[in-house]
Amino acid sequence: LALVSEVPATFAAHIAWADQPLVAVGMTLASGALTAATWWAGQDTKEARRLHATATTAAATGYLTVASFTDPLGATQLSGLAIGG
């Protein structure tokens, strides 16, 4: 379900912000903050669950950030989606 909404969101972000480097910096920092918050929020769960949630968040926000400022359907981005979904 998240993948279905992530690709259109990436296209929208690409159209709106592809040529704005400060937005790229902001999205990168926000992605890192969200990933760190996921790790922190999972402190009372089992380690495997915490690691999985954090890795999933990092992969999703990483794809969104990279694809928003490059080609959303580039070979590298599609490979990342296929592997990490």
C-alpha atoms as a PDB file:
ATOM      1  CA  LEU A   1       0.000   0.000   0.000  1.00  0.00           C
ATOM      2  CA  ALA A   2       2.796   2.423   0.844  1.00  0.00           C
ATOM      3  CA  LEU A   3       4.574   1.629  -2.420  1.00  0.00           C
ATOM      4  CA  VAL A   4       1.442   2.469  -4.394  1.00  0.00           C
ATOM      5  CA  SER A   5       1.365   5.957  -2.900  1.00  0.00           C
ATOM      6  CA  GLU A   6       5.122   6.514  -2.807  1.00  0.00           C
ATOM      7  CA  VAL A   7       5.675   6.508  -6.570  1.00  0.00           C
ATOM      8  CA  PRO A   8       3.048   9.220  -7.326  1.00  0.00           C
ATOM      9  CA  ALA A   9       4.340  11.266  -4.381  1.00  0.00           C
ATOM     10  CA  THR A  10       7.826  11.019  -5.841  1.00  0.00           C
ATOM     11  CA  PHE A  11       6.605  12.285  -9.219  1.00  0.00           C
ATOM     12  CA  ALA A  12       4.820  15.202  -7.541  1.00  0.00           C
ATOM     13  CA  ALA A  13       7.937  16.085  -5.542  1.00  0.00           C
ATOM     14  CA  HIS A  14      10.098  15.771  -8.670  1.00  0.00           C
ATOM     15  CA  ILE A  15       7.859  18.138 -10.626  1.00  0.00           C
ATOM     16  CA  ALA A  16       7.721  20.666  -7.794  1.00  0.00           C
ATOM     17  CA  TRP A  17      11.281  20.580  -6.431  1.00  0.00           C
ATOM     18  CA  ALA A  18      13.686  18.868  -8.847  1.00  0.00           C
ATOM     19  CA  ASP A  19      15.752  22.007  -9.379  1.00  0.00           C
ATOM     20  CA  GLN A  20      15.867  23.285  -5.789  1.00  0.00           C
ATOM     21  CA  PRO A  21      18.983  22.158  -3.894  1.00  0.00           C
ATOM     22  CA  LEU A  22      17.867  23.580  -0.542  1.00  0.00           C
ATOM     23  CA  VAL A  23      14.769  21.405  -0.665  1.00  0.00           C
ATOM     24  CA  ALA A  24      17.027  18.410  -1.334  1.00  0.00           C
ATOM     25  CA  VAL A  25      19.015  19.243   1.787  1.00  0.00           C
ATOM     26  CA  GLY A  26      15.811  19.627   3.798  1.00  0.00           C
ATOM     27  CA  MET A  27      14.400  16.326   2.572  1.00  0.00           C
ATOM     28  CA  THR A  28      17.677  14.582   3.349  1.00  0.00           C
ATOM     29  CA  LEU A  29      17.685  15.933   6.896  1.00  0.00           C
ATOM     30  CA  ALA A  30      14.001  15.068   7.337  1.00  0.00           C
ATOM     31  CA  SER A  31      14.642  11.533   6.088  1.00  0.00           C
ATOM     32  CA  GLY A  32      17.442  11.104   8.594  1.00  0.00           C
ATOM     33  CA  ALA A  33      15.320  12.533  11.396  1.00  0.00           C
ATOM     34  CA  LEU A  34      12.403  10.236  10.578  1.00  0.00           C
ATOM     35  CA  THR A  35      14.711   7.219  10.474  1.00  0.00           C
ATOM     36  CA  ALA A  36      16.252   8.187  13.820  1.00  0.00           C
ATOM     37  CA  ALA A  37      12.791   8.734  15.304  1.00  0.00           C
ATOM     38  CA  THR A  38      11.766   5.273  14.133  1.00  0.00           C
ATOM     39  CA  TRP A  39      14.792   3.766  15.895  1.00  0.00           C
ATOM     40  CA  TRP A  40      14.033   5.731  19.054  1.00  0.00           C
ATOM     41  CA  ALA A  41      10.311   4.851  19.015  1.00  0.00           C
ATOM     42  CA  GLY A  42      11.122   1.155  18.750  1.00  0.00           C
ATOM     43  CA  GLN A  43      13.244   1.024  21.885  1.00  0.00           C
ATOM     44  CA  ASP A  44      10.642  -1.003  23.807  1.00  0.00           C
ATOM     45  CA  THR A  45      10.192  -3.607  21.060  1.00  0.00           C
ATOM     46  CA  LYS A  46      12.232  -6.643  20.113  1.00  0.00           C
ATOM     47  CA  GLU A  47      15.502  -5.916  18.355  1.00  0.00           C
ATOM     48  CA  ALA A  48      14.473  -7.585  15.087  1.00  0.00           C
ATOM     49  CA  ARG A  49      11.294  -5.517  14.895  1.00  0.00           C
ATOM     50  CA  ARG A  50      13.196  -2.323  15.653  1.00  0.00           C
ATOM     51  CA  LEU A  51      15.821  -3.067  13.005  1.00  0.00           C
ATOM     52  CA  HIS A  52      13.198  -3.958  10.392  1.00  0.00           C
ATOM     53  CA  ALA A  53      11.152  -0.823  11.036  1.00  0.00           C
ATOM     54  CA  THR A  54      14.229   1.390  10.918  1.00  0.00           C
ATOM     55  CA  ALA A  55      15.587  -0.218   7.741  1.00  0.00           C
ATOM     56  CA  THR A  56      12.190   0.055   6.058  1.00  0.00           C
ATOM     57  CA  THR A  57      11.923   3.719   6.986  1.00  0.00           C
ATOM     58  CA  ALA A  58      15.447   4.398   5.735  1.00  0.00           C
ATOM     59  CA  ALA A  59      14.774   2.638   2.424  1.00  0.00           C
ATOM     60  CA  ALA A  60      11.458   4.392   1.834  1.00  0.00           C
ATOM     61  CA  THR A  61      12.665   7.873   2.716  1.00  0.00           C
ATOM     62  CA  GLY A  62      15.897   7.278   0.824  1.00  0.00           C
ATOM     63  CA  TYR A  63      14.004   6.347  -2.339  1.00  0.00           C
ATOM     64  CA  LEU A  64      11.678   9.324  -1.956  1.00  0.00           C
ATOM     65  CA  THR A  65      14.571  11.738  -1.488  1.00  0.00           C
ATOM     66  CA  VAL A  66      16.787  10.406  -4.279  1.00  0.00           C
ATOM     67  CA  ALA A  67      14.005   9.894  -6.812  1.00  0.00           C
ATOM     68  CA  SER A  68      12.511  13.318  -6.137  1.00  0.00           C
ATOM     69  CA  PHE A  69      15.677  14.992  -7.399  1.00  0.00           C
ATOM     70  CA  THR A  70      16.663  12.536 -10.135  1.00  0.00           C
ATOM     71  CA  ASP A  71      14.541  10.355 -12.426  1.00  0.00           C
ATOM     72  CA  PRO A  72      11.701   8.734 -10.409  1.00  0.00           C
ATOM     73  CA  LEU A  73      11.628   5.787 -12.810  1.00  0.00           C
ATOM     74  CA  GLY A  74      15.361   5.498 -13.433  1.00  0.00           C
ATOM     75  CA  ALA A  75      16.977   2.071 -13.438  1.00  0.00           C
ATOM     76  CA  THR A  76      18.655   2.581 -10.070  1.00  0.00           C
ATOM     77  CA  GLN A  77      15.470   3.815  -8.437  1.00  0.00           C
ATOM     78  CA  LEU A  78      13.368   0.970  -9.832  1.00  0.00           C
ATOM     79  CA  SER A  79      15.960  -1.552  -8.673  1.00  0.00           C
ATOM     80  CA  GLY A  80      15.762  -0.102  -5.189  1.00  0.00           C
ATOM     81  CA  LEU A  81      11.992  -0.383  -5.234  1.00  0.00           C
ATOM     82  CA  ALA A  82      12.125  -3.965  -6.485  1.00  0.00           C
ATOM     83  CA  ILE A  83      14.638  -5.026  -3.850  1.00  0.00           C
ATOM     84  CA  GLY A  84      13.472  -2.990  -0.886  1.00  0.00           C
ATOM     85  CA  GLY A  85       9.887  -2.216  -1.822  1.00  0.00           C
END
